[in-house]
Amino acid sequence: MYQILEELNKTSGITGSMIVGNDGIVIAADLDTSFEEETVGALAASITTNIQKSLDRLQQTPLNQVTIEASTGKLFFTNAGIGILVVTAEKDVNIGLIRLEIKNAVSRIGTSN
């Protein structure tokens, strides 16, 4: 799994990635050192759980991907089957390219189990 994250991080604009269990426990990580893995993992689980609850109420399940755009960068939370694939990226990143690379990584994660 670490190899998948390492290859994903070679994509232009991606600054880090990790896989987090739905409980917030870090499964694998290759994040920028400015992020604390455990904190990002807990926040990713909390954010996706709350969004999933809202989607359940709207009968729009399951959650596939959430993108958060902030002034300093972007965060992508994607259902990877075994957990959540979290990708951090620069603020001016090509979103289409990142989503394609995330899709490829999720596919590889699914076959590596």
N, C-alpha and C. Protein backbone atom coordinates (compact mmCIF):
# COMPACT_ATOMS: atom_id res chain seq x y z
N MET A 1 0.80 -1.19 0.00
CA MET A 1 0.00 0.00 0.00
C MET A 1 0.86 1.26 0.00
N TYR A 2 2.00 1.18 0.70
CA TYR A 2 2.87 2.35 0.74
C TYR A 2 3.38 2.70 -0.66
N GLN A 3 3.61 1.68 -1.48
CA GLN A 3 4.07 1.92 -2.85
C GLN A 3 3.00 2.65 -3.66
N ILE A 4 1.75 2.30 -3.46
CA ILE A 4 0.64 2.98 -4.16
C ILE A 4 0.60 4.45 -3.76
N LEU A 5 0.74 4.72 -2.46
CA LEU A 5 0.73 6.11 -1.99
C LEU A 5 1.94 6.88 -2.53
N GLU A 6 3.08 6.23 -2.52
CA GLU A 6 4.30 6.87 -3.03
C GLU A 6 4.16 7.24 -4.50
N GLU A 7 3.60 6.34 -5.29
CA GLU A 7 3.40 6.62 -6.72
C GLU A 7 2.35 7.71 -6.92
N LEU A 8 1.29 7.70 -6.12
CA LEU A 8 0.26 8.73 -6.20
C LEU A 8 0.86 10.10 -5.90
N ASN A 9 1.77 10.16 -4.94
CA ASN A 9 2.39 11.43 -4.54
C ASN A 9 3.32 12.00 -5.61
N LYS A 10 3.66 11.22 -6.61
CA LYS A 10 4.49 11.72 -7.71
C LYS A 10 3.69 12.56 -8.69
N THR A 11 2.35 12.53 -8.56
CA THR A 11 1.48 13.32 -9.43
C THR A 11 1.68 14.81 -9.14
N SER A 12 1.81 15.57 -10.18
CA SER A 12 2.01 17.01 -10.04
C SER A 12 0.90 17.65 -9.20
N GLY A 13 1.30 18.36 -8.16
CA GLY A 13 0.34 19.06 -7.31
C GLY A 13 -0.05 18.32 -6.05
N ILE A 14 0.16 17.01 -6.00
CA ILE A 14 -0.16 16.24 -4.79
C ILE A 14 0.99 16.39 -3.80
N THR A 15 0.64 16.72 -2.56
CA THR A 15 1.66 16.91 -1.53
C THR A 15 1.72 15.77 -0.51
N GLY A 16 0.73 14.88 -0.54
CA GLY A 16 0.75 13.76 0.39
C GLY A 16 -0.52 12.93 0.27
N SER A 17 -0.46 11.72 0.83
CA SER A 17 -1.63 10.84 0.81
C SER A 17 -1.55 9.86 1.97
N MET A 18 -2.71 9.34 2.32
CA MET A 18 -2.77 8.34 3.38
C MET A 18 -4.07 7.54 3.27
N ILE A 19 -4.07 6.39 3.88
CA ILE A 19 -5.28 5.57 3.97
C ILE A 19 -5.62 5.48 5.45
N VAL A 20 -6.87 5.79 5.75
CA VAL A 20 -7.35 5.85 7.13
C VAL A 20 -8.54 4.91 7.26
N GLY A 21 -8.57 4.14 8.32
CA GLY A 21 -9.73 3.31 8.59
C GLY A 21 -10.93 4.19 8.90
N ASN A 22 -12.11 3.66 8.78
CA ASN A 22 -13.32 4.43 9.08
C ASN A 22 -13.38 4.87 10.53
N ASP A 23 -12.54 4.26 11.37
CA ASP A 23 -12.47 4.63 12.78
C ASP A 23 -11.43 5.72 13.04
N GLY A 24 -10.72 6.17 11.99
CA GLY A 24 -9.72 7.21 12.13
C GLY A 24 -8.31 6.72 12.34
N ILE A 25 -8.13 5.41 12.43
CA ILE A 25 -6.79 4.83 12.63
C ILE A 25 -6.05 4.84 11.29
N VAL A 26 -4.81 5.34 11.30
CA VAL A 26 -4.00 5.40 10.09
C VAL A 26 -3.55 4.00 9.70
N ILE A 27 -3.85 3.61 8.47
CA ILE A 27 -3.44 2.31 7.93
C ILE A 27 -2.09 2.43 7.24
N ALA A 28 -1.94 3.46 6.42
CA ALA A 28 -0.68 3.73 5.72
C ALA A 28 -0.64 5.22 5.41
N ALA A 29 0.56 5.81 5.44
CA ALA A 29 0.65 7.25 5.18
C ALA A 29 1.96 7.62 4.51
N ASP A 30 1.87 8.59 3.63
CA ASP A 30 3.03 9.23 3.01
C ASP A 30 2.67 10.71 2.88
N LEU A 31 2.62 11.37 4.05
CA LEU A 31 2.17 12.76 4.12
C LEU A 31 3.34 13.72 4.22
N ASP A 32 3.09 14.95 3.82
CA ASP A 32 4.03 16.05 4.05
C ASP A 32 4.26 16.15 5.55
N THR A 33 5.46 16.48 5.96
CA THR A 33 5.78 16.53 7.39
C THR A 33 5.06 17.64 8.14
N SER A 34 4.42 18.56 7.43
CA SER A 34 3.69 19.63 8.11
C SER A 34 2.36 19.14 8.69
N PHE A 35 1.96 17.92 8.34
CA PHE A 35 0.71 17.34 8.84
C PHE A 35 1.01 16.26 9.86
N GLU A 36 0.22 16.21 10.92
CA GLU A 36 0.31 15.11 11.88
C GLU A 36 -0.65 14.02 11.42
N GLU A 37 -0.12 12.84 11.15
CA GLU A 37 -0.91 11.74 10.58
C GLU A 37 -2.14 11.42 11.41
N GLU A 38 -1.98 11.31 12.73
CA GLU A 38 -3.09 10.91 13.58
C GLU A 38 -4.20 11.97 13.56
N THR A 39 -3.82 13.24 13.52
CA THR A 39 -4.80 14.32 13.50
C THR A 39 -5.58 14.30 12.19
N VAL A 40 -4.86 14.16 11.08
CA VAL A 40 -5.51 14.12 9.77
C VAL A 40 -6.43 12.90 9.68
N GLY A 41 -5.97 11.78 10.19
CA GLY A 41 -6.78 10.56 10.17
C GLY A 41 -8.08 10.72 10.95
N ALA A 42 -7.99 11.28 12.14
CA ALA A 42 -9.18 11.48 12.97
C ALA A 42 -10.14 12.46 12.30
N LEU A 43 -9.61 13.55 11.74
CA LEU A 43 -10.46 14.53 11.08
C LEU A 43 -11.11 13.95 9.83
N ALA A 44 -10.37 13.17 9.07
CA ALA A 44 -10.93 12.55 7.86
C ALA A 44 -12.10 11.64 8.21
N ALA A 45 -11.92 10.83 9.24
CA ALA A 45 -13.00 9.93 9.66
C ALA A 45 -14.21 10.72 10.14
N SER A 46 -13.97 11.76 10.91
CA SER A 46 -15.07 12.58 11.42
C SER A 46 -15.82 13.28 10.29
N ILE A 47 -15.09 13.89 9.38
CA ILE A 47 -15.71 14.61 8.26
C ILE A 47 -16.53 13.66 7.39
N THR A 48 -15.95 12.53 7.02
CA THR A 48 -16.66 11.61 6.13
C THR A 48 -17.85 10.96 6.83
N THR A 49 -17.74 10.69 8.12
CA THR A 49 -18.87 10.12 8.86
C THR A 49 -20.04 11.10 8.89
N ASN A 50 -19.74 12.36 9.16
CA ASN A 50 -20.81 13.37 9.20
C ASN A 50 -21.44 13.58 7.83
N ILE A 51 -20.64 13.59 6.79
CA ILE A 51 -21.19 13.75 5.45
C ILE A 51 -22.02 12.53 5.07
N GLN A 52 -21.56 11.33 5.44
CA GLN A 52 -22.31 10.11 5.13
C GLN A 52 -23.67 10.12 5.83
N LYS A 53 -23.72 10.59 7.07
CA LYS A 53 -24.99 10.69 7.78
C LYS A 53 -25.95 11.64 7.05
N SER A 54 -25.41 12.74 6.56
CA SER A 54 -26.25 13.69 5.81
C SER A 54 -26.73 13.07 4.52
N LEU A 55 -25.87 12.34 3.83
CA LEU A 55 -26.27 11.66 2.59
C LEU A 55 -27.31 10.59 2.86
N ASP A 56 -27.18 9.90 3.98
CA ASP A 56 -28.19 8.89 4.35
C ASP A 56 -29.57 9.54 4.48
N ARG A 57 -29.61 10.70 5.11
CA ARG A 57 -30.89 11.41 5.29
C ARG A 57 -31.47 11.85 3.95
N LEU A 58 -30.58 12.12 2.98
CA LEU A 58 -31.03 12.54 1.65
C LEU A 58 -31.21 11.34 0.70
N GLN A 59 -30.96 10.15 1.22
CA GLN A 59 -31.02 8.91 0.44
C GLN A 59 -30.10 8.99 -0.78
N GLN A 60 -28.90 9.48 -0.56
CA GLN A 60 -27.89 9.62 -1.61
C GLN A 60 -26.61 8.90 -1.19
N THR A 61 -26.70 7.60 -1.01
CA THR A 61 -25.53 6.87 -0.53
C THR A 61 -25.03 5.92 -1.60
N PRO A 62 -23.84 5.44 -1.52
CA PRO A 62 -22.83 5.72 -0.52
C PRO A 62 -21.96 6.93 -0.91
N LEU A 63 -21.22 7.41 0.05
CA LEU A 63 -20.28 8.50 -0.18
C LEU A 63 -19.13 7.99 -1.05
N ASN A 64 -18.83 8.67 -2.13
CA ASN A 64 -17.71 8.29 -2.98
C ASN A 64 -16.50 9.18 -2.76
N GLN A 65 -16.72 10.50 -2.85
CA GLN A 65 -15.59 11.42 -2.69
C GLN A 65 -16.05 12.78 -2.21
N VAL A 66 -15.22 13.39 -1.38
CA VAL A 66 -15.45 14.75 -0.88
C VAL A 66 -14.19 15.54 -1.20
N THR A 67 -14.36 16.75 -1.73
CA THR A 67 -13.24 17.64 -1.98
C THR A 67 -13.44 18.89 -1.15
N ILE A 68 -12.41 19.26 -0.40
CA ILE A 68 -12.44 20.48 0.40
C ILE A 68 -11.40 21.42 -0.18
N GLU A 69 -11.85 22.62 -0.52
CA GLU A 69 -10.95 23.63 -1.06
C GLU A 69 -10.74 24.71 -0.01
N ALA A 70 -9.49 24.90 0.38
CA ALA A 70 -9.13 25.94 1.35
C ALA A 70 -8.22 26.95 0.66
N SER A 71 -7.89 28.01 1.35
CA SER A 71 -7.07 29.05 0.74
C SER A 71 -5.64 28.58 0.46
N THR A 72 -5.17 27.58 1.19
CA THR A 72 -3.79 27.13 0.99
C THR A 72 -3.66 25.79 0.30
N GLY A 73 -4.76 25.12 0.02
CA GLY A 73 -4.67 23.82 -0.63
C GLY A 73 -6.01 23.11 -0.71
N LYS A 74 -5.96 21.89 -1.20
CA LYS A 74 -7.16 21.08 -1.36
C LYS A 74 -6.97 19.75 -0.65
N LEU A 75 -8.09 19.20 -0.16
CA LEU A 75 -8.10 17.88 0.45
C LEU A 75 -9.14 17.04 -0.26
N PHE A 76 -8.79 15.81 -0.57
CA PHE A 76 -9.70 14.88 -1.21
C PHE A 76 -9.86 13.68 -0.28
N PHE A 77 -11.11 13.34 0.03
CA PHE A 77 -11.42 12.16 0.84
C PHE A 77 -12.20 11.21 -0.05
N THR A 78 -11.67 10.02 -0.29
CA THR A 78 -12.28 9.08 -1.22
C THR A 78 -12.47 7.72 -0.56
N ASN A 79 -13.65 7.13 -0.75
CA ASN A 79 -13.91 5.79 -0.25
C ASN A 79 -13.01 4.82 -0.99
N ALA A 80 -12.15 4.11 -0.23
CA ALA A 80 -11.22 3.17 -0.84
C ALA A 80 -11.54 1.73 -0.46
N GLY A 81 -12.75 1.49 0.01
CA GLY A 81 -13.13 0.13 0.39
C GLY A 81 -12.64 -0.24 1.77
N ILE A 82 -11.34 -0.33 1.95
CA ILE A 82 -10.79 -0.68 3.27
C ILE A 82 -10.77 0.51 4.22
N GLY A 83 -11.05 1.68 3.69
CA GLY A 83 -11.04 2.90 4.48
C GLY A 83 -11.16 4.11 3.58
N ILE A 84 -10.56 5.19 4.03
CA ILE A 84 -10.64 6.46 3.31
C ILE A 84 -9.27 6.80 2.76
N LEU A 85 -9.20 7.09 1.46
CA LEU A 85 -7.96 7.58 0.88
C LEU A 85 -8.00 9.10 1.01
N VAL A 86 -7.03 9.65 1.72
CA VAL A 86 -6.93 11.09 1.91
C VAL A 86 -5.77 11.59 1.06
N VAL A 87 -6.03 12.61 0.24
CA VAL A 87 -4.98 13.19 -0.60
C VAL A 87 -4.94 14.69 -0.32
N THR A 88 -3.74 15.19 -0.04
CA THR A 88 -3.55 16.63 0.13
C THR A 88 -2.90 17.16 -1.15
N ALA A 89 -3.31 18.36 -1.54
CA ALA A 89 -2.81 18.91 -2.80
C ALA A 89 -2.65 20.42 -2.71
N GLU A 90 -1.88 20.96 -3.63
CA GLU A 90 -1.68 22.40 -3.72
C GLU A 90 -2.99 23.08 -4.12
N LYS A 91 -3.09 24.37 -3.86
CA LYS A 91 -4.35 25.08 -4.09
C LYS A 91 -4.71 25.21 -5.57
N ASP A 92 -3.73 25.29 -6.47
CA ASP A 92 -3.99 25.48 -7.89
C ASP A 92 -3.84 24.20 -8.71
N VAL A 93 -4.07 23.07 -8.09
CA VAL A 93 -3.88 21.77 -8.73
C VAL A 93 -4.95 21.52 -9.80
N ASN A 94 -4.62 20.68 -10.77
CA ASN A 94 -5.57 20.25 -11.80
C ASN A 94 -6.48 19.20 -11.17
N ILE A 95 -7.69 19.58 -10.82
CA ILE A 95 -8.61 18.70 -10.10
C ILE A 95 -8.95 17.45 -10.91
N GLY A 96 -9.13 17.60 -12.22
CA GLY A 96 -9.44 16.45 -13.06
C GLY A 96 -8.33 15.41 -13.03
N LEU A 97 -7.09 15.86 -13.12
CA LEU A 97 -5.94 14.95 -13.07
C LEU A 97 -5.88 14.26 -11.72
N ILE A 98 -6.08 15.01 -10.65
CA ILE A 98 -6.01 14.42 -9.31
C ILE A 98 -7.10 13.37 -9.13
N ARG A 99 -8.31 13.67 -9.57
CA ARG A 99 -9.40 12.69 -9.44
C ARG A 99 -9.12 11.42 -10.24
N LEU A 100 -8.53 11.57 -11.42
CA LEU A 100 -8.17 10.40 -12.22
C LEU A 100 -7.12 9.55 -11.51
N GLU A 101 -6.11 10.21 -10.97
CA GLU A 101 -5.05 9.48 -10.26
C GLU A 101 -5.58 8.83 -8.99
N ILE A 102 -6.50 9.51 -8.31
CA ILE A 102 -7.13 8.92 -7.12
C ILE A 102 -7.93 7.68 -7.51
N LYS A 103 -8.68 7.77 -8.59
CA LYS A 103 -9.47 6.62 -9.07
C LYS A 103 -8.55 5.43 -9.36
N ASN A 104 -7.43 5.69 -10.02
CA ASN A 104 -6.47 4.63 -10.32
C ASN A 104 -5.89 4.03 -9.03
N ALA A 105 -5.58 4.89 -8.08
CA ALA A 105 -5.01 4.40 -6.81
C ALA A 105 -6.02 3.56 -6.04
N VAL A 106 -7.27 4.00 -6.01
CA VAL A 106 -8.31 3.23 -5.30
C VAL A 106 -8.48 1.86 -5.95
N SER A 107 -8.42 1.81 -7.26
CA SER A 107 -8.51 0.54 -7.97
C SER A 107 -7.36 -0.38 -7.57
N ARG A 108 -6.17 0.17 -7.49
CA ARG A 108 -5.00 -0.63 -7.09
C ARG A 108 -5.07 -1.06 -5.64
N ILE A 109 -5.60 -0.19 -4.78
CA ILE A 109 -5.75 -0.54 -3.36
C ILE A 109 -6.71 -1.72 -3.23
N GLY A 110 -7.79 -1.70 -4.01
CA GLY A 110 -8.77 -2.77 -3.98
C GLY A 110 -8.20 -4.11 -4.39
N THR A 111 -7.25 -4.11 -5.31
CA THR A 111 -6.66 -5.36 -5.77
C THR A 111 -5.46 -5.80 -4.94
N SER A 112 -4.96 -4.91 -4.06
CA SER A 112 -3.79 -5.27 -3.25
C SER A 112 -4.17 -5.96 -1.95
N ASN A 113 -5.48 -6.04 -1.65
CA ASN A 113 -5.92 -6.68 -0.40
C ASN A 113 -6.02 -8.17 -0.54
